[in-house]
PDB file of N, CA and C in Angstrom:
ATOM      1  N   MET A   1      -7.127   6.022 -14.278  1.00  0.00           N
ATOM      2  CA  MET A   1      -6.360   6.497 -13.151  1.00  0.00           C
ATOM      3  C   MET A   1      -7.016   7.727 -12.524  1.00  0.00           C
ATOM      4  N   ALA A   2      -7.969   8.307 -13.185  1.00  0.00           N
ATOM      5  CA  ALA A   2      -8.581   9.538 -12.678  1.00  0.00           C
ATOM      6  C   ALA A   2      -9.296   9.329 -11.348  1.00  0.00           C
ATOM      7  N   ARG A   3      -9.902   8.190 -11.157  1.00  0.00           N
ATOM      8  CA  ARG A   3     -10.655   7.957  -9.926  1.00  0.00           C
ATOM      9  C   ARG A   3      -9.769   7.743  -8.711  1.00  0.00           C
ATOM     10  N   THR A   4      -8.578   7.273  -8.940  1.00  0.00           N
ATOM     11  CA  THR A   4      -7.708   6.924  -7.802  1.00  0.00           C
ATOM     12  C   THR A   4      -6.482   7.827  -7.709  1.00  0.00           C
ATOM     13  N   THR A   5      -6.494   8.967  -8.362  1.00  0.00           N
ATOM     14  CA  THR A   5      -5.318   9.842  -8.375  1.00  0.00           C
ATOM     15  C   THR A   5      -4.920  10.291  -6.982  1.00  0.00           C
ATOM     16  N   ARG A   6      -5.891  10.767  -6.194  1.00  0.00           N
ATOM     17  CA  ARG A   6      -5.561  11.226  -4.834  1.00  0.00           C
ATOM     18  C   ARG A   6      -5.078  10.080  -3.962  1.00  0.00           C
ATOM     19  N   MET A   7      -5.675   8.905  -4.142  1.00  0.00           N
ATOM     20  CA  MET A   7      -5.252   7.752  -3.360  1.00  0.00           C
ATOM     21  C   MET A   7      -3.816   7.373  -3.726  1.00  0.00           C
ATOM     22  N   ARG A   8      -3.477   7.391  -4.999  1.00  0.00           N
ATOM     23  CA  ARG A   8      -2.120   7.066  -5.441  1.00  0.00           C
ATOM     24  C   ARG A   8      -1.107   8.064  -4.878  1.00  0.00           C
ATOM     25  N   GLN A   9      -1.448   9.342  -4.916  1.00  0.00           N
ATOM     26  CA  GLN A   9      -0.546  10.366  -4.381  1.00  0.00           C
ATOM     27  C   GLN A   9      -0.331  10.171  -2.883  1.00  0.00           C
ATOM     28  N   LEU A  10      -1.374   9.819  -2.171  1.00  0.00           N
ATOM     29  CA  LEU A  10      -1.258   9.608  -0.732  1.00  0.00           C
ATOM     30  C   LEU A  10      -0.441   8.354  -0.414  1.00  0.00           C
ATOM     31  N   VAL A  11      -0.598   7.305  -1.207  1.00  0.00           N
ATOM     32  CA  VAL A  11       0.206   6.094  -1.007  1.00  0.00           C
ATOM     33  C   VAL A  11       1.683   6.408  -1.239  1.00  0.00           C
ATOM     34  N   VAL A  12       1.987   7.237  -2.237  1.00  0.00           N
ATOM     35  CA  VAL A  12       3.376   7.637  -2.481  1.00  0.00           C
ATOM     36  C   VAL A  12       3.927   8.373  -1.258  1.00  0.00           C
ATOM     37  N   LYS A  13       3.144   9.300  -0.686  1.00  0.00           N
ATOM     38  CA  LYS A  13       3.593  10.026   0.511  1.00  0.00           C
ATOM     39  C   LYS A  13       3.833   9.078   1.682  1.00  0.00           C
ATOM     40  N   ILE A  14       2.925   8.129   1.869  1.00  0.00           N
ATOM     41  CA  ILE A  14       3.062   7.169   2.972  1.00  0.00           C
ATOM     42  C   ILE A  14       4.343   6.356   2.806  1.00  0.00           C
ATOM     43  N   LEU A  15       4.597   5.880   1.586  1.00  0.00           N
ATOM     44  CA  LEU A  15       5.794   5.070   1.360  1.00  0.00           C
ATOM     45  C   LEU A  15       7.073   5.906   1.389  1.00  0.00           C
ATOM     46  N   GLU A  16       6.991   7.177   1.062  1.00  0.00           N
ATOM     47  CA  GLU A  16       8.165   8.045   1.210  1.00  0.00           C
ATOM     48  C   GLU A  16       8.514   8.230   2.688  1.00  0.00           C
ATOM     49  N   GLU A  17       7.485   8.339   3.527  1.00  0.00           N
ATOM     50  CA  GLU A  17       7.718   8.513   4.963  1.00  0.00           C
ATOM     51  C   GLU A  17       8.239   7.246   5.617  1.00  0.00           C
ATOM     52  N   LYS A  18       7.661   6.104   5.266  1.00  0.00           N
ATOM     53  CA  LYS A  18       7.994   4.849   5.948  1.00  0.00           C
ATOM     54  C   LYS A  18       9.007   3.988   5.201  1.00  0.00           C
ATOM     55  N   GLU A  19       9.297   4.288   3.952  1.00  0.00           N
ATOM     56  CA  GLU A  19      10.186   3.535   3.068  1.00  0.00           C
ATOM     57  C   GLU A  19       9.593   2.181   2.685  1.00  0.00           C
ATOM     58  N   GLU A  20       9.188   1.357   3.641  1.00  0.00           N
ATOM     59  CA  GLU A  20       8.519   0.081   3.377  1.00  0.00           C
ATOM     60  C   GLU A  20       7.330  -0.030   4.309  1.00  0.00           C
ATOM     61  N   ALA A  21       6.246  -0.604   3.802  1.00  0.00           N
ATOM     62  CA  ALA A  21       5.072  -0.822   4.646  1.00  0.00           C
ATOM     63  C   ALA A  21       4.266  -1.981   4.075  1.00  0.00           C
ATOM     64  N   ASN A  22       3.602  -2.711   4.971  1.00  0.00           N
ATOM     65  CA  ASN A  22       2.757  -3.786   4.479  1.00  0.00           C
ATOM     66  C   ASN A  22       1.400  -3.230   4.050  1.00  0.00           C
ATOM     67  N   THR A  23       0.655  -4.051   3.352  1.00  0.00           N
ATOM     68  CA  THR A  23      -0.618  -3.622   2.780  1.00  0.00           C
ATOM     69  C   THR A  23      -1.576  -3.147   3.866  1.00  0.00           C
ATOM     70  N   ARG A  24      -1.618  -3.823   4.961  1.00  0.00           N
ATOM     71  CA  ARG A  24      -2.538  -3.459   6.045  1.00  0.00           C
ATOM     72  C   ARG A  24      -2.171  -2.106   6.661  1.00  0.00           C
ATOM     73  N   ALA A  25      -0.878  -1.853   6.842  1.00  0.00           N
ATOM     74  CA  ALA A  25      -0.440  -0.570   7.407  1.00  0.00           C
ATOM     75  C   ALA A  25      -0.759   0.576   6.452  1.00  0.00           C
ATOM     76  N   ILE A  26      -0.570   0.357   5.156  1.00  0.00           N
ATOM     77  CA  ILE A  26      -0.913   1.374   4.163  1.00  0.00           C
ATOM     78  C   ILE A  26      -2.413   1.628   4.183  1.00  0.00           C
ATOM     79  N   PHE A  27      -3.202   0.570   4.244  1.00  0.00           N
ATOM     80  CA  PHE A  27      -4.663   0.670   4.278  1.00  0.00           C
ATOM     81  C   PHE A  27      -5.135   1.479   5.487  1.00  0.00           C
ATOM     82  N   ASP A  28      -4.596   1.180   6.654  1.00  0.00           N
ATOM     83  CA  ASP A  28      -4.994   1.885   7.874  1.00  0.00           C
ATOM     84  C   ASP A  28      -4.604   3.364   7.813  1.00  0.00           C
ATOM     85  N   GLU A  29      -3.401   3.651   7.348  1.00  0.00           N
ATOM     86  CA  GLU A  29      -2.936   5.034   7.239  1.00  0.00           C
ATOM     87  C   GLU A  29      -3.751   5.807   6.199  1.00  0.00           C
ATOM     88  N   LEU A  30      -4.042   5.161   5.100  1.00  0.00           N
ATOM     89  CA  LEU A  30      -4.824   5.784   4.026  1.00  0.00           C
ATOM     90  C   LEU A  30      -6.215   6.165   4.521  1.00  0.00           C
ATOM     91  N   ASN A  31      -6.860   5.260   5.228  1.00  0.00           N
ATOM     92  CA  ASN A  31      -8.212   5.528   5.719  1.00  0.00           C
ATOM     93  C   ASN A  31      -8.224   6.530   6.868  1.00  0.00           C
ATOM     94  N   ALA A  32      -7.124   6.654   7.581  1.00  0.00           N
ATOM     95  CA  ALA A  32      -7.041   7.661   8.634  1.00  0.00           C
ATOM     96  C   ALA A  32      -6.891   9.059   8.038  1.00  0.00           C
ATOM     97  N   ARG A  33      -6.232   9.169   6.900  1.00  0.00           N
ATOM     98  CA  ARG A  33      -5.963  10.469   6.289  1.00  0.00           C
ATOM     99  C   ARG A  33      -7.053  10.934   5.322  1.00  0.00           C
ATOM    100  N   MET A  34      -7.774  10.004   4.705  1.00  0.00           N
ATOM    101  CA  MET A  34      -8.777  10.375   3.703  1.00  0.00           C
ATOM    102  C   MET A  34     -10.158  10.479   4.334  1.00  0.00           C
ATOM    103  N   LYS A  35     -10.953  11.391   3.828  1.00  0.00           N
ATOM    104  CA  LYS A  35     -12.306  11.567   4.346  1.00  0.00           C
ATOM    105  C   LYS A  35     -13.183  10.359   4.026  1.00  0.00           C
ATOM    106  N   TRP A  36     -13.131   9.884   2.777  1.00  0.00           N
ATOM    107  CA  TRP A  36     -13.983   8.774   2.361  1.00  0.00           C
ATOM    108  C   TRP A  36     -13.300   7.431   2.474  1.00  0.00           C
ATOM    109  N   GLY A  37     -11.997   7.397   2.472  1.00  0.00           N
ATOM    110  CA  GLY A  37     -11.280   6.146   2.621  1.00  0.00           C
ATOM    111  C   GLY A  37     -11.264   5.332   1.345  1.00  0.00           C
ATOM    112  N   ALA A  38     -10.832   4.109   1.464  1.00  0.00           N
ATOM    113  CA  ALA A  38     -10.731   3.204   0.323  1.00  0.00           C
ATOM    114  C   ALA A  38     -11.001   1.789   0.797  1.00  0.00           C
ATOM    115  N   THR A  39     -11.349   0.927  -0.136  1.00  0.00           N
ATOM    116  CA  THR A  39     -11.517  -0.480   0.211  1.00  0.00           C
ATOM    117  C   THR A  39     -10.189  -1.193   0.007  1.00  0.00           C
ATOM    118  N   MET A  40     -10.066  -2.359   0.588  1.00  0.00           N
ATOM    119  CA  MET A  40      -8.844  -3.139   0.440  1.00  0.00           C
ATOM    120  C   MET A  40      -8.662  -3.555  -1.025  1.00  0.00           C
ATOM    121  N   ASN A  41      -9.755  -3.827  -1.742  1.00  0.00           N
ATOM    122  CA  ASN A  41      -9.650  -4.176  -3.157  1.00  0.00           C
ATOM    123  C   ASN A  41      -9.121  -3.014  -3.986  1.00  0.00           C
ATOM    124  N   GLN A  42      -9.593  -1.805  -3.720  1.00  0.00           N
ATOM    125  CA  GLN A  42      -9.090  -0.634  -4.433  1.00  0.00           C
ATOM    126  C   GLN A  42      -7.601  -0.461  -4.187  1.00  0.00           C
ATOM    127  N   LEU A  43      -7.198  -0.569  -2.938  1.00  0.00           N
ATOM    128  CA  LEU A  43      -5.794  -0.406  -2.596  1.00  0.00           C
ATOM    129  C   LEU A  43      -4.937  -1.484  -3.254  1.00  0.00           C
ATOM    130  N   GLY A  44      -5.405  -2.709  -3.218  1.00  0.00           N
ATOM    131  CA  GLY A  44      -4.663  -3.806  -3.850  1.00  0.00           C
ATOM    132  C   GLY A  44      -4.465  -3.578  -5.338  1.00  0.00           C
ATOM    133  N   ASN A  45      -5.502  -3.112  -6.023  1.00  0.00           N
ATOM    134  CA  ASN A  45      -5.380  -2.824  -7.453  1.00  0.00           C
ATOM    135  C   ASN A  45      -4.407  -1.689  -7.714  1.00  0.00           C
ATOM    136  N   VAL A  46      -4.466  -0.642  -6.906  1.00  0.00           N
ATOM    137  CA  VAL A  46      -3.553   0.493  -7.075  1.00  0.00           C
ATOM    138  C   VAL A  46      -2.108   0.037  -6.869  1.00  0.00           C
ATOM    139  N   LEU A  47      -1.852  -0.706  -5.814  1.00  0.00           N
ATOM    140  CA  LEU A  47      -0.488  -1.152  -5.530  1.00  0.00           C
ATOM    141  C   LEU A  47       0.037  -2.099  -6.606  1.00  0.00           C
ATOM    142  N   ALA A  48      -0.816  -2.973  -7.109  1.00  0.00           N
ATOM    143  CA  ALA A  48      -0.376  -3.966  -8.081  1.00  0.00           C
ATOM    144  C   ALA A  48      -0.170  -3.383  -9.476  1.00  0.00           C
ATOM    145  N   LYS A  49      -0.968  -2.389  -9.851  1.00  0.00           N
ATOM    146  CA  LYS A  49      -0.946  -1.923 -11.236  1.00  0.00           C
ATOM    147  C   LYS A  49      -0.146  -0.659 -11.470  1.00  0.00           C
ATOM    148  N   ASP A  50       0.166   0.080 -10.431  1.00  0.00           N
ATOM    149  CA  ASP A  50       0.932   1.311 -10.605  1.00  0.00           C
ATOM    150  C   ASP A  50       2.421   0.962 -10.671  1.00  0.00           C
ATOM    151  N   PRO A  51       3.120   1.421 -11.712  1.00  0.00           N
ATOM    152  CA  PRO A  51       4.540   1.052 -11.855  1.00  0.00           C
ATOM    153  C   PRO A  51       5.466   1.681 -10.819  1.00  0.00           C
ATOM    154  N   ARG A  52       4.983   2.651 -10.049  1.00  0.00           N
ATOM    155  CA  ARG A  52       5.832   3.292  -9.037  1.00  0.00           C
ATOM    156  C   ARG A  52       6.019   2.430  -7.799  1.00  0.00           C
ATOM    157  N   PHE A  53       5.155   1.438  -7.597  1.00  0.00           N
ATOM    158  CA  PHE A  53       5.193   0.610  -6.398  1.00  0.00           C
ATOM    159  C   PHE A  53       5.788  -0.749  -6.714  1.00  0.00           C
ATOM    160  N   GLN A  54       6.622  -1.234  -5.797  1.00  0.00           N
ATOM    161  CA  GLN A  54       7.288  -2.516  -5.979  1.00  0.00           C
ATOM    162  C   GLN A  54       7.017  -3.399  -4.766  1.00  0.00           C
ATOM    163  N   LYS A  55       6.664  -4.640  -5.029  1.00  0.00           N
ATOM    164  CA  LYS A  55       6.443  -5.590  -3.949  1.00  0.00           C
ATOM    165  C   LYS A  55       7.786  -6.137  -3.496  1.00  0.00           C
ATOM    166  N   VAL A  56       8.045  -6.087  -2.208  1.00  0.00           N
ATOM    167  CA  VAL A  56       9.273  -6.629  -1.637  1.00  0.00           C
ATOM    168  C   VAL A  56       9.095  -8.146  -1.553  1.00  0.00           C
ATOM    169  N   GLU A  57      10.188  -8.874  -1.673  1.00  0.00           N
ATOM    170  CA  GLU A  57      10.092 -10.331  -1.719  1.00  0.00           C
ATOM    171  C   GLU A  57       9.563 -10.958  -0.431  1.00  0.00           C
ATOM    172  N   ARG A  58       9.817 -10.331   0.688  1.00  0.00           N
ATOM    173  CA  ARG A  58       9.350 -10.922   1.954  1.00  0.00           C
ATOM    174  C   ARG A  58       7.904 -10.515   2.231  1.00  0.00           C
ATOM    175  N   MET A  59       7.236 -11.343   3.011  1.00  0.00           N
ATOM    176  CA  MET A  59       5.868 -11.065   3.435  1.00  0.00           C
ATOM    177  C   MET A  59       5.842 -11.045   4.952  1.00  0.00           C
ATOM    178  N   GLU A  60       4.881 -10.342   5.522  1.00  0.00           N
ATOM    179  CA  GLU A  60       4.750 -10.275   6.975  1.00  0.00           C
ATOM    180  C   GLU A  60       3.542 -11.069   7.422  1.00  0.00           C
ATOM    181  N   ARG A  61       3.682 -11.718   8.560  1.00  0.00           N
ATOM    182  CA  ARG A  61       2.582 -12.480   9.147  1.00  0.00           C
ATOM    183  C   ARG A  61       1.874 -11.598  10.159  1.00  0.00           C
ATOM    184  N   ILE A  62       0.568 -11.546  10.052  1.00  0.00           N
ATOM    185  CA  ILE A  62      -0.238 -10.772  10.989  1.00  0.00           C
ATOM    186  C   ILE A  62      -1.204 -11.738  11.655  1.00  0.00           C
ATOM    187  N   GLY A  63      -1.309 -11.646  12.959  1.00  0.00           N
ATOM    188  CA  GLY A  63      -2.184 -12.547  13.688  1.00  0.00           C
ATOM    189  C   GLY A  63      -3.246 -11.798  14.447  1.00  0.00           C
ATOM    190  N   ASN A  64      -4.394 -12.429  14.566  1.00  0.00           N
ATOM    191  CA  ASN A  64      -5.474 -11.884  15.378  1.00  0.00           C
ATOM    192  C   ASN A  64      -6.264 -13.050  15.965  1.00  0.00           C
ATOM    193  N   MET A  65      -7.411 -12.793  16.503  1.00  0.00           N
ATOM    194  CA  MET A  65      -8.205 -13.831  17.153  1.00  0.00           C
ATOM    195  C   MET A  65      -8.656 -14.914  16.168  1.00  0.00           C
ATOM    196  N   ASN A  66      -8.813 -14.553  14.901  1.00  0.00           N
ATOM    197  CA  ASN A  66      -9.318 -15.494  13.902  1.00  0.00           C
ATOM    198  C   ASN A  66      -8.220 -16.292  13.224  1.00  0.00           C
ATOM    199  N   GLY A  67      -6.980 -16.030  13.528  1.00  0.00           N
ATOM    200  CA  GLY A  67      -5.876 -16.760  12.927  1.00  0.00           C
ATOM    201  C   GLY A  67      -4.834 -15.826  12.350  1.00  0.00           C
ATOM    202  N   ASN A  68      -3.858 -16.415  11.696  1.00  0.00           N
ATOM    203  CA  ASN A  68      -2.764 -15.654  11.097  1.00  0.00           C
ATOM    204  C   ASN A  68      -2.951 -15.575   9.592  1.00  0.00           C
ATOM    205  N   TYR A  69      -2.459 -14.496   9.002  1.00  0.00           N
ATOM    206  CA  TYR A  69      -2.467 -14.374   7.554  1.00  0.00           C
ATOM    207  C   TYR A  69      -1.263 -13.562   7.117  1.00  0.00           C
ATOM    208  N   SER A  70      -0.873 -13.725   5.866  1.00  0.00           N
ATOM    209  CA  SER A  70       0.295 -13.035   5.320  1.00  0.00           C
ATOM    210  C   SER A  70      -0.142 -11.821   4.520  1.00  0.00           C
ATOM    211  N   VAL A  71       0.640 -10.762   4.596  1.00  0.00           N
ATOM    212  CA  VAL A  71       0.393  -9.566   3.796  1.00  0.00           C
ATOM    213  C   VAL A  71       1.684  -9.188   3.087  1.00  0.00           C
ATOM    214  N   CYS A  72       1.542  -8.600   1.915  1.00  0.00           N
ATOM    215  CA  CYS A  72       2.692  -8.180   1.115  1.00  0.00           C
ATOM    216  C   CYS A  72       3.295  -6.908   1.689  1.00  0.00           C
ATOM    217  N   VAL A  73       4.585  -6.751   1.457  1.00  0.00           N
ATOM    218  CA  VAL A  73       5.302  -5.548   1.856  1.00  0.00           C
ATOM    219  C   VAL A  73       5.636  -4.781   0.582  1.00  0.00           C
ATOM    220  N   TRP A  74       5.423  -3.459   0.608  1.00  0.00           N
ATOM    221  CA  TRP A  74       5.586  -2.618  -0.578  1.00  0.00           C
ATOM    222  C   TRP A  74       6.607  -1.523  -0.321  1.00  0.00           C
ATOM    223  N   LYS A  75       7.225  -1.053  -1.391  1.00  0.00           N
ATOM    224  CA  LYS A  75       8.133   0.091  -1.335  1.00  0.00           C
ATOM    225  C   LYS A  75       8.040   0.827  -2.665  1.00  0.00           C
ATOM    226  N   LEU A  76       8.597   2.039  -2.696  1.00  0.00           N
ATOM    227  CA  LEU A  76       8.662   2.792  -3.938  1.00  0.00           C
ATOM    228  C   LEU A  76       9.834   2.302  -4.762  1.00  0.00           C
ATOM    229  N   LYS A  77       9.644   2.224  -6.076  1.00  0.00           N
ATOM    230  CA  LYS A  77      10.742   1.866  -6.947  1.00  0.00           C
ATOM    231  C   LYS A  77      11.721   3.024  -7.051  1.00  0.00           C
ATOM    232  N   ASN A  78      12.980   2.706  -7.217  1.00  0.00           N
ATOM    233  CA  ASN A  78      13.962   3.742  -7.502  1.00  0.00           C
ATOM    234  C   ASN A  78      13.708   4.256  -8.911  1.00  0.00           C
ATOM    235  N   GLU A  79      14.075   5.495  -9.167  1.00  0.00           N
ATOM    236  CA  GLU A  79      13.858   6.063 -10.493  1.00  0.00           C
ATOM    237  C   GLU A  79      14.661   5.332 -11.554  1.00  0.00           C
ATOM    238  N   SER A  80      15.761   4.713 -11.178  1.00  0.00           N
ATOM    239  CA  SER A  80      16.564   3.947 -12.138  1.00  0.00           C
ATOM    240  C   SER A  80      15.895   2.621 -12.512  1.00  0.00           C
ATOM    241  N   GLU A  81      14.991   2.116 -11.644  1.00  0.00           N
ATOM    242  CA  GLU A  81      14.296   0.852 -11.904  1.00  0.00           C
ATOM    243  C   GLU A  81      13.068   1.019 -12.774  1.00  0.00           C
ATOM    244  N   MET A  82      12.564   2.246 -12.928  1.00  0.00           N
ATOM    245  CA  MET A  82      11.336   2.463 -13.687  1.00  0.00           C
ATOM    246  C   MET A  82      11.568   2.380 -15.162  1.00  0.00           C
TER     247      MET A  82
END
């Protein structure tokens, strides 16, 4: 966890501000705030393995010129759920 500590703290701040956000929105906000940024794989691992983050059951569809794809929606777990 030492390598991703600052990224985890920033993801917590982002989710505290927005309450829920999809993976792409978190990725864009994270890279806007950090000097070096993160890759989508790093972010996916942090979101999936950290017990503070919970995947919401619904997914969002995002479309662009190359087609549509689904992204997960994340939120912070309540302290009673941990």
